[in-house]
C-alpha atoms as a PDB file:
ATOM      1  CA  MET A   1     -74.792  83.960 147.075  1.00  0.00           C
ATOM      2  CA  HIS A   2     -77.605  83.362 149.551  1.00  0.00           C
ATOM      3  CA  GLY A   3     -78.554  87.042 149.553  1.00  0.00           C
ATOM      4  CA  MET A   4     -78.731  87.130 145.764  1.00  0.00           C
ATOM      5  CA  PHE A   5     -81.442  84.529 145.303  1.00  0.00           C
ATOM      6  CA  VAL A   6     -83.277  85.812 148.366  1.00  0.00           C
ATOM      7  CA  ILE A   7     -83.515  89.152 146.545  1.00  0.00           C
ATOM      8  CA  LEU A   8     -83.979  87.921 142.949  1.00  0.00           C
ATOM      9  CA  LEU A   9     -86.884  85.529 143.451  1.00  0.00           C
ATOM     10  CA  PRO A  10     -89.151  87.999 145.347  1.00  0.00           C
ATOM     11  CA  LEU A  11     -88.185  90.659 142.790  1.00  0.00           C
ATOM     12  CA  SER A  12     -89.417  88.299 140.095  1.00  0.00           C
ATOM     13  CA  LEU A  13     -92.734  87.968 141.918  1.00  0.00           C
ATOM     14  CA  ILE A  14     -93.059  91.756 142.177  1.00  0.00           C
ATOM     15  CA  LEU A  15     -92.358  92.076 138.443  1.00  0.00           C
ATOM     16  CA  MET A  16     -95.045  89.466 137.686  1.00  0.00           C
ATOM     17  CA  VAL A  17     -97.681  91.260 139.774  1.00  0.00           C
ATOM     18  CA  PHE A  18     -96.814  94.657 138.310  1.00  0.00           C
ATOM     19  CA  GLY A  19     -96.712  93.154 134.814  1.00  0.00           C
ATOM     20  CA  GLY A  20    -100.100  91.561 135.334  1.00  0.00           C
ATOM     21  CA  MET A  21    -101.654  94.885 136.320  1.00  0.00           C
ATOM     22  CA  MET A  22     -99.999  96.618 133.381  1.00  0.00           C
ATOM     23  CA  GLY A  23    -101.109  93.844 131.044  1.00  0.00           C
ATOM     24  CA  PHE A  24    -104.710  94.137 132.179  1.00  0.00           C
ATOM     25  CA  LEU A  25    -104.665  97.876 131.534  1.00  0.00           C
ATOM     26  CA  SER A  26    -102.946  97.484 128.192  1.00  0.00           C
ATOM     27  CA  PHE A  27    -105.609  95.073 126.956  1.00  0.00           C
ATOM     28  CA  LEU A  28    -108.378  97.375 128.124  1.00  0.00           C
ATOM     29  CA  LEU A  29    -106.798 100.427 126.504  1.00  0.00           C
ATOM     30  CA  ARG A  30    -105.460  98.564 123.461  1.00  0.00           C
ATOM     31  CA  ALA A  31    -102.290 100.601 123.694  1.00  0.00           C
ATOM     32  CA  TYR A  32     -99.462  99.354 121.492  1.00  0.00           C
ATOM     33  CA  LEU A  33     -96.667 100.874 123.567  1.00  0.00           C
ATOM     34  CA  LEU A  34     -98.100  99.558 126.839  1.00  0.00           C
ATOM     35  CA  LEU A  35     -98.446  96.048 125.362  1.00  0.00           C
ATOM     36  CA  LEU A  36     -94.855  96.218 124.178  1.00  0.00           C
ATOM     37  CA  LEU A  37     -93.663  97.444 127.574  1.00  0.00           C
ATOM     38  CA  THR A  38     -95.609  94.695 129.362  1.00  0.00           C
ATOM     39  CA  GLY A  39     -94.117  91.997 127.142  1.00  0.00           C
ATOM     40  CA  THR A  40     -90.640  93.354 127.749  1.00  0.00           C
ATOM     41  CA  LEU A  41     -91.304  93.489 131.496  1.00  0.00           C
ATOM     42  CA  PHE A  42     -92.375  89.840 131.539  1.00  0.00           C
ATOM     43  CA  LEU A  43     -89.292  88.813 129.549  1.00  0.00           C
ATOM     44  CA  PHE A  44     -87.107  90.741 131.997  1.00  0.00           C
ATOM     45  CA  GLY A  45     -88.913  89.006 134.862  1.00  0.00           C
ATOM     46  CA  ALA A  46     -88.176  85.656 133.215  1.00  0.00           C
ATOM     47  CA  THR A  47     -84.469  86.470 133.104  1.00  0.00           C
ATOM     48  CA  VAL A  48     -84.567  87.500 136.771  1.00  0.00           C
ATOM     49  CA  THR A  49     -86.293  84.218 137.640  1.00  0.00           C
ATOM     50  CA  LEU A  50     -83.768  82.205 135.642  1.00  0.00           C
ATOM     51  CA  SER A  51     -80.913  84.031 137.359  1.00  0.00           C
ATOM     52  CA  GLY A  52     -82.435  83.335 140.771  1.00  0.00           C
ATOM     53  CA  ILE A  53     -82.905  79.643 139.985  1.00  0.00           C
ATOM     54  CA  SER A  54     -79.349  79.334 138.678  1.00  0.00           C
ATOM     55  CA  ILE A  55     -77.889  81.018 141.758  1.00  0.00           C
ATOM     56  CA  TYR A  56     -80.052  78.806 143.994  1.00  0.00           C
ATOM     57  CA  ILE A  57     -78.690  75.665 142.307  1.00  0.00           C
ATOM     58  CA  ALA A  58     -75.093  76.934 142.526  1.00  0.00           C
ATOM     59  CA  TYR A  59     -75.587  77.853 146.195  1.00  0.00           C
ATOM     60  CA  SER A  60     -76.949  74.393 146.969  1.00  0.00           C
ATOM     61  CA  ALA A  61     -73.994  72.743 145.221  1.00  0.00           C
ATOM     62  CA  ALA A  62     -71.558  74.914 147.185  1.00  0.00           C
ATOM     63  CA  ALA A  63     -73.331  74.042 150.440  1.00  0.00           C
ATOM     64  CA  PHE A  64     -73.083  70.343 149.582  1.00  0.00           C
ATOM     65  CA  ARG A  65     -69.344  70.668 148.881  1.00  0.00           C
ATOM     66  CA  GLN A  66     -68.946  72.463 152.210  1.00  0.00           C
ATOM     67  CA  ALA A  67     -70.799  69.634 153.952  1.00  0.00           C
ATOM     68  CA  LEU A  68     -68.475  67.123 152.281  1.00  0.00           C
ATOM     69  CA  CYS A  69     -65.457  68.968 153.646  1.00  0.00           C
ATOM     70  CA  LEU A  70     -66.911  69.225 157.152  1.00  0.00           C
ATOM     71  CA  LEU A  71     -68.188  65.664 157.359  1.00  0.00           C
ATOM     72  CA  GLU A  72     -65.177  63.518 156.751  1.00  0.00           C
ATOM     73  CA  GLU A  73     -66.896  60.388 157.962  1.00  0.00           C
ATOM     74  CA  LYS A  74     -68.835  58.598 155.223  1.00  0.00           C
ATOM     75  CA  ALA A  75     -71.353  57.232 157.735  1.00  0.00           C
ATOM     76  CA  LEU A  76     -72.528  60.742 158.578  1.00  0.00           C
ATOM     77  CA  LEU A  77     -72.702  61.675 154.892  1.00  0.00           C
ATOM     78  CA  ASP A  78     -75.062  58.771 154.192  1.00  0.00           C
ATOM     79  CA  GLN A  79     -77.577  60.327 156.586  1.00  0.00           C
ATOM     80  CA  VAL A  80     -77.651  63.625 154.697  1.00  0.00           C
ATOM     81  CA  ASP A  81     -80.579  63.758 152.259  1.00  0.00           C
ATOM     82  CA  ILE A  82     -80.341  66.520 149.659  1.00  0.00           C
ATOM     83  CA  HIS A  83     -83.144  67.221 147.193  1.00  0.00           C
ATOM     84  CA  PHE A  84     -84.636  70.407 145.806  1.00  0.00           C
ATOM     85  CA  GLY A  85     -88.343  69.680 146.101  1.00  0.00           C
ATOM     86  CA  TRP A  86     -91.302  71.717 144.920  1.00  0.00           C
ATOM     87  CA  SER A  87     -89.640  75.117 145.176  1.00  0.00           C
ATOM     88  CA  LEU A  88     -87.301  74.433 142.263  1.00  0.00           C
ATOM     89  CA  ALA A  89     -90.062  72.859 140.170  1.00  0.00           C
ATOM     90  CA  LEU A  90     -92.323  75.869 140.753  1.00  0.00           C
ATOM     91  CA  GLY A  91     -89.439  78.187 139.905  1.00  0.00           C
ATOM     92  CA  TRP A  92     -89.052  76.487 136.522  1.00  0.00           C
ATOM     93  CA  VAL A  93     -92.816  76.644 135.936  1.00  0.00           C
ATOM     94  CA  SER A  94     -92.708  80.346 136.787  1.00  0.00           C
ATOM     95  CA  PHE A  95     -89.834  80.924 134.350  1.00  0.00           C
ATOM     96  CA  VAL A  96     -91.644  79.185 131.490  1.00  0.00           C
ATOM     97  CA  ALA A  97     -94.921  80.968 132.276  1.00  0.00           C
ATOM     98  CA  GLU A  98     -93.229  84.376 132.320  1.00  0.00           C
ATOM     99  CA  LEU A  99     -91.443  83.613 129.065  1.00  0.00           C
ATOM    100  CA  LEU A 100     -94.667  82.553 127.325  1.00  0.00           C
ATOM    101  CA  THR A 101     -96.612  85.501 128.737  1.00  0.00           C
ATOM    102  CA  GLY A 102     -93.966  87.944 127.560  1.00  0.00           C
ATOM    103  CA  ALA A 103     -94.022  86.412 124.088  1.00  0.00           C
ATOM    104  CA  ALA A 104     -97.836  86.577 124.034  1.00  0.00           C
ATOM    105  CA  PHE A 105     -97.831  90.279 124.935  1.00  0.00           C
ATOM    106  CA  LEU A 106     -95.235  91.019 122.274  1.00  0.00           C
ATOM    107  CA  ALA A 107     -97.321  89.089 119.726  1.00  0.00           C
ATOM    108  CA  ALA A 108    -100.435  91.018 120.780  1.00  0.00           C
ATOM    109  CA  ALA A 109     -98.545  94.286 120.295  1.00  0.00           C
ATOM    110  CA  ARG A 110     -97.484  93.136 116.814  1.00  0.00           C
ATOM    111  CA  VAL A 111    -101.049  92.164 115.863  1.00  0.00           C
ATOM    112  CA  LEU A 112    -102.366  95.505 117.117  1.00  0.00           C
ATOM    113  CA  SER A 113     -99.718  97.340 115.111  1.00  0.00           C
ATOM    114  CA  LEU A 114    -100.582  95.406 111.943  1.00  0.00           C
ATOM    115  CA  ARG A 115    -104.317  96.072 112.404  1.00  0.00           C
ATOM    116  CA  ARG A 116    -103.734  99.788 112.819  1.00  0.00           C
ATOM    117  CA  ARG A 117    -101.641  99.858 109.641  1.00  0.00           C
ATOM    118  CA  GLN A 118    -104.397  98.037 107.745  1.00  0.00           C
ATOM    119  CA  ASP A 119    -107.018 100.461 109.062  1.00  0.00           C
ATOM    120  CA  GLN A 120    -104.903 103.448 108.009  1.00  0.00           C
ATOM    121  CA  ALA A 121    -104.367 101.972 104.524  1.00  0.00           C
ATOM    122  CA  ILE A 122    -108.112 101.624 103.964  1.00  0.00           C
END
């Protein structure tokens, strides 16, 4: 489980950087297909981020259960402080940002498609 979120979360970052470069080019070129591909890439990156966050939470819960089994004394367990911190909060912010960015690119592709149809009708 540890290896999965160690791979998924950096992969999400790579997808965001690549999607950002593709998005910049797609806005400059006003290419419908590239906008659509960029939106889909960001939505895929959001699912990768969500998967990484979910595995991270499950891994932390499993580690806590393991610690409960190993530490049979309650006095030692009281000294263990478990909290997620900023990394989990930033992961959720990243997920929401990727989701909104993907939706924005898909909406931009739709608007561009509608404008081209209107221009062809005139």
